[in-house]
């Protein structure tokens, strides 16, 4: 069985370029699946989310760009979806060319207020415990109204995941799914 099947990390990283075109003004959005991880046992995971403004045809109008990374994590027979786990948001009040190349990135997520004590503290999450993980990127483009020709926004979204420690039981049995025994 050594070397058979897809390497388990094939869905741990993904990049997609997304183009949104405003047709009638207001808000246009789309959702794209970025990752699907099935690890077969619970593990602690770290991530890197990146958003890059690649281009667009927005004139010197105000607009908002938003990318939400929604995640679903599961262990055993249970799972939970956390919408807007990480949100990137930027505004353009000058020509969009000034935003080209803008890179937003994070390896942590705001955890929110827990109400355990009256002192509000920064609560950052930098790891998730899960056996299964699915990540969707929701990209939204908000404009003030319809203009001819239609305006577009092009962003590249990246989502990369890695286990905190990658020691797998199959390594001890010589059953290497994905040929990782020979360095390929």
N, C-alpha and C. Protein backbone atom coordinates (compact mmCIF):
# COMPACT_ATOMS: atom_id res chain seq x y z
N UNK A 1 0.81 -1.19 0.00
CA UNK A 1 0.00 0.00 0.00
C UNK A 1 0.86 1.26 0.00
N UNK A 2 2.16 1.11 0.23
CA UNK A 2 3.03 2.28 0.25
C UNK A 2 2.95 3.01 -1.08
N UNK A 3 2.82 4.34 -1.02
CA UNK A 3 2.80 5.16 -2.22
C UNK A 3 1.47 5.19 -2.94
N UNK A 4 0.42 4.64 -2.37
CA UNK A 4 -0.88 4.63 -3.04
C UNK A 4 -1.77 5.71 -2.45
N UNK A 5 -2.61 6.24 -3.29
CA UNK A 5 -3.57 7.24 -2.83
C UNK A 5 -2.98 8.64 -2.85
N UNK A 6 -3.85 9.60 -2.61
CA UNK A 6 -3.46 11.01 -2.59
C UNK A 6 -2.73 11.30 -1.29
N UNK A 7 -1.68 12.07 -1.38
CA UNK A 7 -0.96 12.48 -0.17
C UNK A 7 -1.94 13.23 0.74
N UNK A 8 -1.89 12.98 2.04
CA UNK A 8 -2.89 13.55 2.95
C UNK A 8 -2.89 15.07 3.02
N UNK A 9 -1.79 15.71 2.66
CA UNK A 9 -1.72 17.16 2.77
C UNK A 9 -2.16 17.89 1.50
N UNK A 10 -2.70 17.18 0.52
CA UNK A 10 -3.07 17.81 -0.74
C UNK A 10 -4.13 18.90 -0.58
N UNK A 11 -4.97 18.81 0.43
CA UNK A 11 -6.00 19.83 0.63
C UNK A 11 -5.67 20.75 1.81
N UNK A 12 -4.42 20.75 2.26
CA UNK A 12 -4.04 21.59 3.39
C UNK A 12 -3.69 23.00 2.99
N UNK A 13 -3.44 23.25 1.71
CA UNK A 13 -3.12 24.59 1.25
C UNK A 13 -3.83 24.86 -0.06
N UNK A 14 -4.24 26.10 -0.26
CA UNK A 14 -4.95 26.44 -1.49
C UNK A 14 -4.84 27.94 -1.73
N UNK A 15 -4.75 28.31 -3.01
CA UNK A 15 -4.80 29.71 -3.45
C UNK A 15 -5.84 29.81 -4.54
N UNK A 16 -6.63 30.86 -4.50
CA UNK A 16 -7.62 31.10 -5.55
C UNK A 16 -7.67 32.59 -5.85
N UNK A 17 -7.79 32.91 -7.12
CA UNK A 17 -7.98 34.29 -7.55
C UNK A 17 -9.46 34.46 -7.86
N UNK A 18 -10.07 35.45 -7.22
CA UNK A 18 -11.52 35.65 -7.33
C UNK A 18 -11.78 37.05 -7.89
N UNK A 19 -12.63 37.11 -8.91
CA UNK A 19 -13.02 38.37 -9.52
C UNK A 19 -14.50 38.61 -9.22
N UNK A 20 -14.80 39.75 -8.65
CA UNK A 20 -16.18 40.14 -8.39
C UNK A 20 -16.51 41.34 -9.27
N UNK A 21 -17.65 41.28 -9.95
CA UNK A 21 -18.08 42.37 -10.82
C UNK A 21 -19.41 42.92 -10.33
N UNK A 22 -19.42 44.20 -10.05
CA UNK A 22 -20.63 44.88 -9.62
C UNK A 22 -21.50 45.08 -10.86
N UNK A 23 -22.75 44.66 -10.77
CA UNK A 23 -23.65 44.77 -11.91
C UNK A 23 -24.64 45.90 -11.70
N UNK A 24 -25.28 45.96 -10.55
CA UNK A 24 -26.32 46.97 -10.32
C UNK A 24 -26.01 47.85 -9.12
N UNK A 25 -24.78 47.89 -8.70
CA UNK A 25 -24.42 48.70 -7.54
C UNK A 25 -24.71 47.96 -6.26
N UNK A 26 -24.16 48.46 -5.19
CA UNK A 26 -24.39 47.83 -3.90
C UNK A 26 -23.35 46.80 -3.58
N UNK A 27 -23.78 45.57 -3.26
CA UNK A 27 -22.88 44.53 -2.78
C UNK A 27 -22.96 43.31 -3.67
N UNK A 28 -21.81 42.75 -3.98
CA UNK A 28 -21.73 41.48 -4.69
C UNK A 28 -20.76 40.60 -3.90
N UNK A 29 -21.07 39.30 -3.82
CA UNK A 29 -20.22 38.41 -3.04
C UNK A 29 -20.22 37.02 -3.64
N UNK A 30 -19.23 36.24 -3.24
CA UNK A 30 -19.14 34.84 -3.64
C UNK A 30 -18.43 34.06 -2.53
N UNK A 31 -18.68 32.76 -2.50
CA UNK A 31 -18.04 31.88 -1.53
C UNK A 31 -17.30 30.78 -2.26
N UNK A 32 -16.11 30.47 -1.77
CA UNK A 32 -15.29 29.45 -2.40
C UNK A 32 -14.67 28.55 -1.34
N UNK A 33 -14.74 27.23 -1.56
CA UNK A 33 -14.12 26.31 -0.60
C UNK A 33 -12.61 26.34 -0.81
N UNK A 34 -11.89 26.52 0.28
CA UNK A 34 -10.44 26.62 0.22
C UNK A 34 -9.75 25.32 0.65
N UNK A 35 -10.19 24.73 1.76
CA UNK A 35 -9.52 23.55 2.31
C UNK A 35 -10.53 22.53 2.78
N UNK A 36 -10.10 21.28 2.73
CA UNK A 36 -10.86 20.19 3.36
C UNK A 36 -9.84 19.21 3.90
N UNK A 37 -9.74 19.15 5.21
CA UNK A 37 -8.76 18.31 5.88
C UNK A 37 -9.48 17.22 6.64
N UNK A 38 -9.11 15.98 6.38
CA UNK A 38 -9.60 14.82 7.14
C UNK A 38 -8.37 14.09 7.63
N UNK A 39 -8.05 14.28 8.88
CA UNK A 39 -6.78 13.80 9.43
C UNK A 39 -6.88 12.43 10.11
N UNK A 40 -8.07 11.94 10.36
CA UNK A 40 -8.33 10.63 10.96
C UNK A 40 -8.02 10.55 12.45
N UNK A 41 -7.52 11.63 13.03
CA UNK A 41 -7.34 11.68 14.48
C UNK A 41 -7.24 13.15 14.88
N UNK A 42 -7.58 13.50 16.11
CA UNK A 42 -7.47 14.90 16.54
C UNK A 42 -6.02 15.37 16.53
N UNK A 43 -5.84 16.61 16.18
CA UNK A 43 -4.51 17.22 16.12
C UNK A 43 -4.66 18.71 16.38
N UNK A 44 -3.60 19.35 16.81
CA UNK A 44 -3.57 20.80 16.95
C UNK A 44 -3.05 21.38 15.64
N UNK A 45 -3.77 22.38 15.11
CA UNK A 45 -3.48 22.94 13.79
C UNK A 45 -3.14 24.42 13.88
N UNK A 46 -2.23 24.85 13.00
CA UNK A 46 -1.91 26.26 12.80
C UNK A 46 -2.27 26.62 11.37
N UNK A 47 -2.46 27.90 11.09
CA UNK A 47 -2.89 28.32 9.76
C UNK A 47 -2.21 29.62 9.38
N UNK A 48 -2.30 29.92 8.09
CA UNK A 48 -1.91 31.21 7.54
C UNK A 48 -2.97 31.58 6.52
N UNK A 49 -3.64 32.71 6.75
CA UNK A 49 -4.61 33.25 5.81
C UNK A 49 -3.99 34.51 5.19
N UNK A 50 -4.09 34.63 3.86
CA UNK A 50 -3.55 35.79 3.16
C UNK A 50 -4.57 36.27 2.13
N UNK A 51 -4.73 37.58 2.03
CA UNK A 51 -5.56 38.20 1.00
C UNK A 51 -4.69 39.24 0.29
N UNK A 52 -4.65 39.16 -1.04
CA UNK A 52 -3.89 40.11 -1.85
C UNK A 52 -4.83 40.77 -2.85
N UNK A 53 -4.85 42.11 -2.86
CA UNK A 53 -5.64 42.83 -3.86
C UNK A 53 -4.83 42.81 -5.15
N UNK A 54 -5.34 42.10 -6.15
CA UNK A 54 -4.63 41.89 -7.40
C UNK A 54 -4.94 42.99 -8.41
N UNK A 55 -6.18 43.44 -8.47
CA UNK A 55 -6.54 44.45 -9.45
C UNK A 55 -8.01 44.77 -9.40
N UNK A 56 -8.48 45.38 -10.46
CA UNK A 56 -9.88 45.76 -10.55
C UNK A 56 -10.03 46.94 -11.48
N UNK A 57 -11.26 47.35 -11.65
CA UNK A 57 -11.55 48.49 -12.52
C UNK A 57 -12.32 49.57 -11.78
N UNK A 58 -12.17 49.61 -10.47
CA UNK A 58 -12.87 50.61 -9.69
C UNK A 58 -12.23 51.97 -9.93
N UNK A 59 -13.04 52.97 -10.22
CA UNK A 59 -12.57 54.34 -10.38
C UNK A 59 -12.39 54.95 -9.00
N UNK A 60 -12.10 56.24 -8.92
CA UNK A 60 -11.88 56.84 -7.60
C UNK A 60 -13.17 56.95 -6.80
N UNK A 61 -13.79 55.83 -6.55
CA UNK A 61 -15.02 55.78 -5.75
C UNK A 61 -14.72 55.05 -4.45
N UNK A 62 -15.54 55.31 -3.47
CA UNK A 62 -15.41 54.57 -2.22
C UNK A 62 -15.89 53.14 -2.43
N UNK A 63 -15.18 52.19 -1.88
CA UNK A 63 -15.65 50.82 -1.88
C UNK A 63 -15.08 50.12 -0.67
N UNK A 64 -15.68 49.01 -0.30
CA UNK A 64 -15.18 48.16 0.77
C UNK A 64 -14.91 46.78 0.21
N UNK A 65 -13.79 46.22 0.58
CA UNK A 65 -13.50 44.83 0.28
C UNK A 65 -13.50 44.06 1.57
N UNK A 66 -14.14 42.90 1.56
CA UNK A 66 -14.23 42.06 2.77
C UNK A 66 -13.96 40.63 2.36
N UNK A 67 -13.10 39.95 3.11
CA UNK A 67 -12.92 38.51 2.94
C UNK A 67 -13.09 37.88 4.31
N UNK A 68 -14.08 37.02 4.42
CA UNK A 68 -14.31 36.26 5.65
C UNK A 68 -13.87 34.83 5.43
N UNK A 69 -13.07 34.30 6.34
CA UNK A 69 -12.73 32.89 6.33
C UNK A 69 -13.63 32.20 7.36
N UNK A 70 -14.55 31.39 6.88
CA UNK A 70 -15.44 30.61 7.74
C UNK A 70 -14.83 29.22 7.87
N UNK A 71 -14.81 28.68 9.09
CA UNK A 71 -14.26 27.34 9.27
C UNK A 71 -15.28 26.43 9.94
N UNK A 72 -15.21 25.18 9.58
CA UNK A 72 -15.96 24.12 10.25
C UNK A 72 -14.92 23.15 10.79
N UNK A 73 -14.95 22.91 12.10
CA UNK A 73 -14.02 21.97 12.72
C UNK A 73 -14.82 20.84 13.35
N UNK A 74 -14.26 19.65 13.31
CA UNK A 74 -14.94 18.51 13.89
C UNK A 74 -13.96 17.54 14.53
N UNK A 75 -14.46 16.88 15.55
CA UNK A 75 -13.75 15.78 16.19
C UNK A 75 -14.78 14.70 16.44
N UNK A 76 -14.44 13.47 16.04
CA UNK A 76 -15.39 12.38 16.22
C UNK A 76 -16.66 12.62 15.42
N UNK A 77 -17.82 12.53 16.11
CA UNK A 77 -19.10 12.71 15.43
C UNK A 77 -19.67 14.11 15.58
N UNK A 78 -18.86 15.03 16.07
CA UNK A 78 -19.35 16.38 16.34
C UNK A 78 -18.57 17.40 15.52
N UNK A 79 -19.26 18.46 15.12
CA UNK A 79 -18.59 19.54 14.41
C UNK A 79 -19.30 20.86 14.72
N UNK A 80 -18.57 21.95 14.47
CA UNK A 80 -19.13 23.28 14.67
C UNK A 80 -18.60 24.18 13.56
N UNK A 81 -19.48 25.03 13.06
CA UNK A 81 -19.09 26.01 12.06
C UNK A 81 -18.92 27.36 12.75
N UNK A 82 -17.79 27.99 12.49
CA UNK A 82 -17.50 29.31 13.06
C UNK A 82 -17.47 30.30 11.90
N UNK A 83 -18.59 30.99 11.68
CA UNK A 83 -18.59 31.97 10.59
C UNK A 83 -17.69 33.15 10.96
N UNK A 84 -17.09 33.74 9.97
CA UNK A 84 -16.24 34.91 10.16
C UNK A 84 -15.15 34.65 11.20
N UNK A 85 -14.56 33.46 11.13
CA UNK A 85 -13.46 33.11 12.04
C UNK A 85 -12.34 34.15 11.93
N UNK A 86 -12.02 34.53 10.70
CA UNK A 86 -11.09 35.63 10.44
C UNK A 86 -11.73 36.53 9.40
N UNK A 87 -11.68 37.84 9.64
CA UNK A 87 -12.21 38.81 8.67
C UNK A 87 -11.11 39.79 8.29
N UNK A 88 -10.92 39.94 6.98
CA UNK A 88 -10.07 40.99 6.44
C UNK A 88 -11.00 42.01 5.81
N UNK A 89 -10.80 43.28 6.13
CA UNK A 89 -11.66 44.32 5.58
C UNK A 89 -10.79 45.54 5.28
N UNK A 90 -10.99 46.12 4.12
CA UNK A 90 -10.26 47.33 3.75
C UNK A 90 -11.18 48.22 2.95
N UNK A 91 -10.88 49.51 2.98
CA UNK A 91 -11.67 50.50 2.25
C UNK A 91 -10.76 51.24 1.29
N UNK A 92 -11.35 51.69 0.22
CA UNK A 92 -10.61 52.46 -0.75
C UNK A 92 -11.34 53.78 -0.96
N UNK A 93 -10.75 54.85 -0.50
CA UNK A 93 -11.34 56.16 -0.70
C UNK A 93 -10.55 56.97 -1.72
N UNK A 94 -9.57 56.31 -2.34
CA UNK A 94 -8.76 56.89 -3.41
C UNK A 94 -8.79 55.90 -4.56
N UNK A 95 -8.22 56.23 -5.71
CA UNK A 95 -8.26 55.28 -6.82
C UNK A 95 -7.75 53.90 -6.40
N UNK A 96 -8.42 52.86 -6.90
CA UNK A 96 -8.11 51.49 -6.51
C UNK A 96 -6.67 51.11 -6.82
N UNK A 97 -6.03 51.79 -7.77
CA UNK A 97 -4.65 51.48 -8.09
C UNK A 97 -3.77 51.59 -6.85
N UNK A 98 -4.18 52.46 -5.91
CA UNK A 98 -3.43 52.58 -4.66
C UNK A 98 -3.55 51.36 -3.78
N UNK A 99 -4.55 50.50 -4.05
CA UNK A 99 -4.75 49.29 -3.27
C UNK A 99 -4.09 48.07 -3.91
N UNK A 100 -3.72 48.16 -5.20
CA UNK A 100 -3.11 47.00 -5.85
C UNK A 100 -1.87 46.58 -5.07
N UNK A 101 -1.74 45.30 -4.88
CA UNK A 101 -0.61 44.79 -4.14
C UNK A 101 -0.79 44.79 -2.64
N UNK A 102 -1.90 45.35 -2.15
CA UNK A 102 -2.17 45.33 -0.72
C UNK A 102 -2.23 43.88 -0.27
N UNK A 103 -1.44 43.53 0.75
CA UNK A 103 -1.40 42.16 1.26
C UNK A 103 -1.80 42.19 2.73
N UNK A 104 -2.83 41.43 3.06
CA UNK A 104 -3.29 41.28 4.43
C UNK A 104 -3.08 39.84 4.83
N UNK A 105 -2.57 39.59 6.03
CA UNK A 105 -2.27 38.21 6.43
C UNK A 105 -2.37 38.07 7.95
N UNK A 106 -2.61 36.82 8.37
CA UNK A 106 -2.65 36.54 9.81
C UNK A 106 -2.42 35.06 10.07
N UNK A 107 -1.86 34.79 11.23
CA UNK A 107 -1.74 33.42 11.74
C UNK A 107 -2.50 33.27 13.05
N UNK A 108 -3.38 34.24 13.32
CA UNK A 108 -4.21 34.16 14.52
C UNK A 108 -5.59 34.73 14.21
N UNK A 109 -6.51 34.50 15.13
CA UNK A 109 -7.88 34.97 14.97
C UNK A 109 -8.35 35.56 16.29
N UNK A 110 -9.19 36.60 16.24
CA UNK A 110 -9.72 37.14 17.49
C UNK A 110 -10.68 36.14 18.12
N UNK A 111 -10.48 35.89 19.40
CA UNK A 111 -11.31 34.91 20.09
C UNK A 111 -12.59 35.45 20.66
N UNK A 112 -12.72 36.76 20.73
CA UNK A 112 -13.93 37.35 21.31
C UNK A 112 -13.84 37.42 22.82
N UNK A 113 -14.76 38.16 23.41
CA UNK A 113 -14.82 38.32 24.86
C UNK A 113 -15.49 37.11 25.48
N UNK A 114 -14.90 36.57 26.50
CA UNK A 114 -15.42 35.34 27.11
C UNK A 114 -16.30 35.58 28.32
N UNK A 115 -16.31 36.80 28.87
CA UNK A 115 -17.12 37.15 30.04
C UNK A 115 -16.77 36.37 31.30
N UNK A 116 -15.56 35.81 31.36
CA UNK A 116 -15.16 35.12 32.59
C UNK A 116 -14.78 36.11 33.68
N UNK A 117 -14.35 37.28 33.30
CA UNK A 117 -14.07 38.31 34.29
C UNK A 117 -14.36 39.67 33.66
N UNK A 118 -14.50 40.69 34.48
CA UNK A 118 -14.91 41.99 33.94
C UNK A 118 -13.79 42.71 33.16
N UNK A 119 -12.57 42.22 33.24
CA UNK A 119 -11.46 42.87 32.53
C UNK A 119 -11.41 42.34 31.11
N UNK A 120 -11.54 43.23 30.15
CA UNK A 120 -11.48 42.83 28.75
C UNK A 120 -10.01 42.66 28.37
N UNK A 121 -9.67 41.48 27.93
CA UNK A 121 -8.30 41.18 27.52
C UNK A 121 -8.28 40.77 26.06
N UNK A 122 -7.13 40.96 25.47
CA UNK A 122 -6.97 40.46 24.11
C UNK A 122 -7.01 38.94 24.15
N UNK A 123 -7.85 38.36 23.34
CA UNK A 123 -8.04 36.92 23.32
C UNK A 123 -7.79 36.43 21.90
N UNK A 124 -6.54 36.13 21.59
CA UNK A 124 -6.19 35.66 20.26
C UNK A 124 -6.08 34.15 20.23
N UNK A 125 -6.61 33.56 19.19
CA UNK A 125 -6.51 32.13 18.98
C UNK A 125 -5.43 31.90 17.93
N UNK A 126 -4.45 31.06 18.25
CA UNK A 126 -3.41 30.78 17.26
C UNK A 126 -3.29 29.29 16.94
N UNK A 127 -4.24 28.52 17.45
CA UNK A 127 -4.29 27.10 17.10
C UNK A 127 -5.71 26.58 17.30
N UNK A 128 -6.03 25.53 16.58
CA UNK A 128 -7.35 24.89 16.65
C UNK A 128 -7.12 23.40 16.81
N UNK A 129 -7.89 22.77 17.68
CA UNK A 129 -7.83 21.32 17.80
C UNK A 129 -8.97 20.74 16.99
N UNK A 130 -8.62 19.87 16.04
CA UNK A 130 -9.65 19.29 15.17
C UNK A 130 -9.11 18.04 14.50
N UNK A 131 -10.02 17.25 14.04
CA UNK A 131 -9.73 16.07 13.24
C UNK A 131 -10.09 16.35 11.78
N UNK A 132 -11.19 17.07 11.60
CA UNK A 132 -11.65 17.48 10.27
C UNK A 132 -11.78 19.00 10.25
N UNK A 133 -11.36 19.61 9.14
CA UNK A 133 -11.44 21.06 8.98
C UNK A 133 -11.90 21.36 7.56
N UNK A 134 -12.85 22.27 7.46
CA UNK A 134 -13.23 22.81 6.16
C UNK A 134 -13.17 24.32 6.26
N UNK A 135 -12.63 24.94 5.22
CA UNK A 135 -12.48 26.40 5.19
C UNK A 135 -13.15 26.93 3.93
N UNK A 136 -13.99 27.93 4.10
CA UNK A 136 -14.58 28.66 2.98
C UNK A 136 -14.14 30.11 3.07
N UNK A 137 -13.87 30.71 1.91
CA UNK A 137 -13.59 32.14 1.85
C UNK A 137 -14.80 32.82 1.23
N UNK A 138 -15.36 33.79 1.94
CA UNK A 138 -16.46 34.60 1.41
C UNK A 138 -15.89 35.96 1.06
N UNK A 139 -15.92 36.29 -0.21
CA UNK A 139 -15.37 37.56 -0.68
C UNK A 139 -16.54 38.48 -1.03
N UNK A 140 -16.47 39.71 -0.52
CA UNK A 140 -17.55 40.68 -0.72
C UNK A 140 -16.97 42.00 -1.22
N UNK A 141 -17.70 42.61 -2.13
CA UNK A 141 -17.31 43.87 -2.75
C UNK A 141 -18.49 44.82 -2.62
N UNK A 142 -18.33 45.89 -1.85
CA UNK A 142 -19.41 46.84 -1.62
C UNK A 142 -19.07 48.16 -2.31
N UNK A 143 -19.99 48.63 -3.15
CA UNK A 143 -19.78 49.89 -3.86
C UNK A 143 -20.96 50.82 -3.61
N UNK A 144 -20.77 52.12 -3.85
CA UNK A 144 -21.85 53.07 -3.53
C UNK A 144 -23.01 53.08 -4.51
N UNK A 145 -22.87 52.50 -5.67
CA UNK A 145 -23.99 52.52 -6.61
C UNK A 145 -23.54 52.15 -8.01
N UNK A 146 -24.49 52.05 -8.89
CA UNK A 146 -24.22 51.60 -10.25
C UNK A 146 -23.58 52.68 -11.10
N UNK A 147 -22.54 52.26 -11.80
CA UNK A 147 -21.86 53.14 -12.73
C UNK A 147 -21.55 52.32 -13.96
N UNK A 148 -21.59 52.94 -15.13
CA UNK A 148 -21.25 52.22 -16.35
C UNK A 148 -19.86 52.69 -16.76
N UNK A 149 -18.94 51.82 -17.06
CA UNK A 149 -19.06 50.37 -17.06
C UNK A 149 -19.02 49.82 -15.64
N UNK A 150 -19.45 48.55 -15.47
CA UNK A 150 -19.44 47.94 -14.15
C UNK A 150 -18.03 47.92 -13.54
N UNK A 151 -17.95 47.97 -12.23
CA UNK A 151 -16.68 47.94 -11.52
C UNK A 151 -16.34 46.51 -11.10
N UNK A 152 -15.07 46.21 -11.04
CA UNK A 152 -14.63 44.88 -10.62
C UNK A 152 -13.57 45.00 -9.54
N UNK A 153 -13.43 43.92 -8.77
CA UNK A 153 -12.38 43.78 -7.78
C UNK A 153 -11.81 42.39 -7.94
N UNK A 154 -10.49 42.28 -7.99
CA UNK A 154 -9.83 40.99 -8.13
C UNK A 154 -8.93 40.80 -6.92
N UNK A 155 -9.17 39.71 -6.19
CA UNK A 155 -8.35 39.39 -5.02
C UNK A 155 -7.87 37.94 -5.10
N UNK A 156 -6.71 37.71 -4.53
CA UNK A 156 -6.18 36.36 -4.40
C UNK A 156 -6.30 36.00 -2.93
N UNK A 157 -6.92 34.86 -2.64
CA UNK A 157 -7.06 34.40 -1.27
C UNK A 157 -6.25 33.12 -1.10
N UNK A 158 -5.55 33.03 0.02
CA UNK A 158 -4.71 31.87 0.34
C UNK A 158 -5.08 31.36 1.72
N UNK A 159 -5.10 30.05 1.86
CA UNK A 159 -5.37 29.41 3.14
C UNK A 159 -4.46 28.19 3.26
N UNK A 160 -3.59 28.21 4.26
CA UNK A 160 -2.63 27.13 4.47
C UNK A 160 -2.76 26.61 5.90
N UNK A 161 -2.76 25.30 6.05
CA UNK A 161 -2.89 24.66 7.35
C UNK A 161 -1.77 23.64 7.53
N UNK A 162 -1.33 23.49 8.79
CA UNK A 162 -0.33 22.47 9.10
C UNK A 162 -0.53 22.02 10.55
N UNK A 163 -0.34 20.73 10.79
CA UNK A 163 -0.44 20.25 12.17
C UNK A 163 0.74 20.77 12.99
N UNK A 164 0.49 21.03 14.27
CA UNK A 164 1.55 21.52 15.16
C UNK A 164 2.68 20.51 15.28
N UNK A 165 2.34 19.24 15.32
CA UNK A 165 3.36 18.17 15.30
C UNK A 165 2.83 17.09 14.38
N UNK A 166 3.63 16.74 13.42
CA UNK A 166 3.17 15.82 12.38
C UNK A 166 3.81 14.45 12.57
N UNK A 167 3.40 13.75 13.61
CA UNK A 167 3.85 12.39 13.86
C UNK A 167 2.64 11.50 13.68
N UNK A 168 2.69 10.67 12.66
CA UNK A 168 1.51 9.87 12.34
C UNK A 168 1.75 8.41 12.64
N UNK A 169 0.71 7.73 13.14
CA UNK A 169 0.85 6.31 13.47
C UNK A 169 1.25 5.44 12.28
N UNK A 170 0.82 5.81 11.06
CA UNK A 170 1.15 4.97 9.90
C UNK A 170 2.64 4.98 9.60
N UNK A 171 3.38 5.97 10.09
CA UNK A 171 4.83 5.98 9.87
C UNK A 171 5.50 4.80 10.57
N UNK A 172 4.93 4.34 11.66
CA UNK A 172 5.53 3.24 12.41
C UNK A 172 5.19 1.88 11.82
N UNK A 173 4.18 1.83 10.95
CA UNK A 173 3.80 0.56 10.32
C UNK A 173 4.38 0.41 8.92
N UNK A 174 5.01 1.48 8.41
CA UNK A 174 5.57 1.43 7.05
C UNK A 174 4.51 1.65 5.98
N UNK A 175 3.31 2.03 6.37
CA UNK A 175 2.21 2.26 5.43
C UNK A 175 2.12 3.76 5.17
N UNK A 176 2.85 4.25 4.15
CA UNK A 176 2.95 5.67 3.90
C UNK A 176 2.00 6.09 2.79
N UNK A 177 0.87 6.64 3.16
CA UNK A 177 -0.07 7.17 2.19
C UNK A 177 0.53 8.40 1.54
N UNK A 178 0.63 8.41 0.22
CA UNK A 178 1.13 9.58 -0.47
C UNK A 178 2.62 9.60 -0.72
N UNK A 179 3.31 8.48 -0.53
CA UNK A 179 4.73 8.34 -0.87
C UNK A 179 5.67 9.23 -0.06
N UNK A 180 5.30 9.62 1.15
CA UNK A 180 6.22 10.48 1.89
C UNK A 180 7.44 9.75 2.43
N UNK A 181 7.51 8.43 2.20
CA UNK A 181 8.68 7.69 2.66
C UNK A 181 9.91 7.93 1.79
N UNK A 182 9.74 8.40 0.56
CA UNK A 182 10.90 8.61 -0.30
C UNK A 182 11.13 10.09 -0.59
N UNK A 183 10.54 10.97 0.15
CA UNK A 183 10.79 12.39 0.03
C UNK A 183 10.12 13.07 -1.15
N UNK A 184 9.18 12.40 -1.81
CA UNK A 184 8.51 13.04 -2.95
C UNK A 184 7.21 13.65 -2.53
